[in-house]
C-alpha atoms as a PDB file:
ATOM      1  CA  ARG A   1      65.022   5.810  44.855  1.00  0.00           C
ATOM      2  CA  TRP A   2      63.292   3.046  43.017  1.00  0.00           C
ATOM      3  CA  GLU A   3      64.314   4.407  39.619  1.00  0.00           C
ATOM      4  CA  ASP A   4      67.965   3.893  40.588  1.00  0.00           C
ATOM      5  CA  GLN A   5      67.207   0.287  41.500  1.00  0.00           C
ATOM      6  CA  PHE A   6      65.359  -0.309  38.230  1.00  0.00           C
ATOM      7  CA  ALA A   7      68.284   1.150  36.280  1.00  0.00           C
ATOM      8  CA  LEU A   8      70.630  -1.374  37.941  1.00  0.00           C
ATOM      9  CA  ALA A   9      68.425  -4.355  37.065  1.00  0.00           C
ATOM     10  CA  LEU A  10      69.329  -6.718  34.234  1.00  0.00           C
ATOM     11  CA  ASP A  11      65.839  -6.108  32.844  1.00  0.00           C
ATOM     12  CA  PRO A  12      64.663  -2.669  34.077  1.00  0.00           C
ATOM     13  CA  GLU A  13      61.216  -2.890  32.467  1.00  0.00           C
ATOM     14  CA  ARG A  14      60.433  -6.261  34.036  1.00  0.00           C
ATOM     15  CA  ALA A  15      61.756  -5.095  37.407  1.00  0.00           C
ATOM     16  CA  ARG A  16      59.448  -2.064  37.226  1.00  0.00           C
ATOM     17  CA  GLU A  17      56.490  -4.289  36.244  1.00  0.00           C
ATOM     18  CA  TYR A  18      57.100  -6.695  39.144  1.00  0.00           C
ATOM     19  CA  HIS A  19      57.401  -3.793  41.549  1.00  0.00           C
ATOM     20  CA  ASP A  20      54.236  -2.088  40.310  1.00  0.00           C
ATOM     21  CA  GLU A  21      52.027  -5.169  40.247  1.00  0.00           C
ATOM     22  CA  THR A  22      52.496  -5.724  43.995  1.00  0.00           C
ATOM     23  CA  LEU A  23      51.298  -2.185  44.814  1.00  0.00           C
ATOM     24  CA  PRO A  24      47.569  -1.489  44.516  1.00  0.00           C
ATOM     25  CA  GLN A  25      47.682   2.320  44.485  1.00  0.00           C
ATOM     26  CA  ASP A  26      49.612   4.594  42.156  1.00  0.00           C
ATOM     27  CA  SER A  27      50.840   6.692  45.107  1.00  0.00           C
ATOM     28  CA  ALA A  28      52.521   3.615  46.601  1.00  0.00           C
ATOM     29  CA  LYS A  29      54.571   3.160  43.436  1.00  0.00           C
ATOM     30  CA  THR A  30      56.620   6.265  44.175  1.00  0.00           C
ATOM     31  CA  ALA A  31      56.958   5.642  47.918  1.00  0.00           C
ATOM     32  CA  HIS A  32      60.412   5.365  49.441  1.00  0.00           C
ATOM     33  CA  PHE A  33      59.715   1.930  50.896  1.00  0.00           C
ATOM     34  CA  CYS A  34      58.769  -1.422  49.420  1.00  0.00           C
ATOM     35  CA  SER A  35      55.592  -3.400  49.917  1.00  0.00           C
ATOM     36  CA  MET A  36      57.384  -6.127  51.889  1.00  0.00           C
ATOM     37  CA  CYS A  37      58.024  -4.298  55.167  1.00  0.00           C
ATOM     38  CA  GLY A  38      56.086  -1.079  54.753  1.00  0.00           C
ATOM     39  CA  PRO A  39      57.114   2.331  56.057  1.00  0.00           C
ATOM     40  CA  ASN A  40      57.378   1.439  59.757  1.00  0.00           C
ATOM     41  CA  PHE A  41      59.986  -1.291  59.327  1.00  0.00           C
ATOM     42  CA  CYS A  42      61.786  -0.109  56.209  1.00  0.00           C
ATOM     43  CA  SER A  43      65.532  -0.399  56.749  1.00  0.00           C
ATOM     44  CA  MET A  44      66.204   2.174  54.028  1.00  0.00           C
ATOM     45  CA  ARG A  45      63.902   4.724  55.669  1.00  0.00           C
ATOM     46  CA  ILE A  46      65.316   4.012  59.118  1.00  0.00           C
ATOM     47  CA  SER A  47      68.866   4.432  57.801  1.00  0.00           C
ATOM     48  CA  ASP A  48      67.899   7.744  56.214  1.00  0.00           C
ATOM     49  CA  ASP A  49      66.218   8.879  59.448  1.00  0.00           C
ATOM     50  CA  ILE A  50      69.395   8.042  61.396  1.00  0.00           C
ATOM     51  CA  ARG A  51      71.544  10.039  58.972  1.00  0.00           C
ATOM     52  CA  LYS A  52      69.227  13.045  59.216  1.00  0.00           C
ATOM     53  CA  MET A  53      69.020  12.855  63.020  1.00  0.00           C
ATOM     54  CA  ALA A  54      72.801  12.598  63.341  1.00  0.00           C
ATOM     55  CA  ASP A  55      73.265  15.566  61.025  1.00  0.00           C
ATOM     56  CA  GLU A  56      70.690  17.660  62.916  1.00  0.00           C
ATOM     57  CA  GLN A  57      72.309  16.827  66.265  1.00  0.00           C
ATOM     58  CA  GLY A  58      75.855  17.269  64.993  1.00  0.00           C
ATOM     59  CA  ILE A  59      76.868  13.724  65.914  1.00  0.00           C
ATOM     60  CA  THR A  60      78.152  10.750  63.936  1.00  0.00           C
ATOM     61  CA  GLU A  61      75.833   8.044  62.647  1.00  0.00           C
ATOM     62  CA  GLU A  62      77.519   5.586  65.005  1.00  0.00           C
ATOM     63  CA  VAL A  63      76.699   7.763  68.032  1.00  0.00           C
ATOM     64  CA  ALA A  64      73.112   8.197  66.808  1.00  0.00           C
ATOM     65  CA  ILE A  65      72.748   4.423  66.457  1.00  0.00           C
ATOM     66  CA  ALA A  66      74.162   3.835  69.948  1.00  0.00           C
ATOM     67  CA  LYS A  67      71.757   6.410  71.416  1.00  0.00           C
ATOM     68  CA  GLY A  68      68.823   4.810  69.612  1.00  0.00           C
ATOM     69  CA  MET A  69      69.767   1.339  70.814  1.00  0.00           C
ATOM     70  CA  GLU A  70      70.017   2.614  74.395  1.00  0.00           C
ATOM     71  CA  GLU A  71      66.565   4.205  74.107  1.00  0.00           C
ATOM     72  CA  LYS A  72      65.059   0.991  72.720  1.00  0.00           C
ATOM     73  CA  SER A  73      66.795  -1.074  75.432  1.00  0.00           C
ATOM     74  CA  ARG A  74      65.344   1.179  78.127  1.00  0.00           C
ATOM     75  CA  GLU A  75      61.885   0.943  76.529  1.00  0.00           C
ATOM     76  CA  PHE A  76      62.184  -2.861  76.399  1.00  0.00           C
ATOM     77  CA  ARG A  77      63.105  -3.051  80.105  1.00  0.00           C
ATOM     78  CA  GLU A  78      60.316  -0.639  81.094  1.00  0.00           C
ATOM     79  CA  LYS A  79      57.768  -2.814  79.285  1.00  0.00           C
ATOM     80  CA  GLY A  80      58.813  -5.928  81.195  1.00  0.00           C
ATOM     81  CA  SER A  81      61.562  -7.346  78.965  1.00  0.00           C
ATOM     82  CA  GLU A  82      59.093  -9.729  77.349  1.00  0.00           C
ATOM     83  CA  LEU A  83      59.470 -10.972  73.790  1.00  0.00           C
ATOM     84  CA  TYR A  84      56.413 -11.440  71.611  1.00  0.00           C
ATOM     85  CA  GLN A  85      55.822 -13.737  68.687  1.00  0.00           C
END
């Protein structure tokens, strides 16, 4: 929803130019994630995925988040509870 973000900017044209110059391919300019985090760590995409999952499972977003955190906690413990840098 980049167009919405550009429309909210004080200078929409400049905002669009800054956004576009950081993306090498035209297809990336319409992606639903920014070039800072990419698709795997995009908080907007993750939030949308949580909403969709909750809706599909007939649960609240809060319950979906709690289930996801429990899954990630279990995965962390199974992999040795080690942090990486």
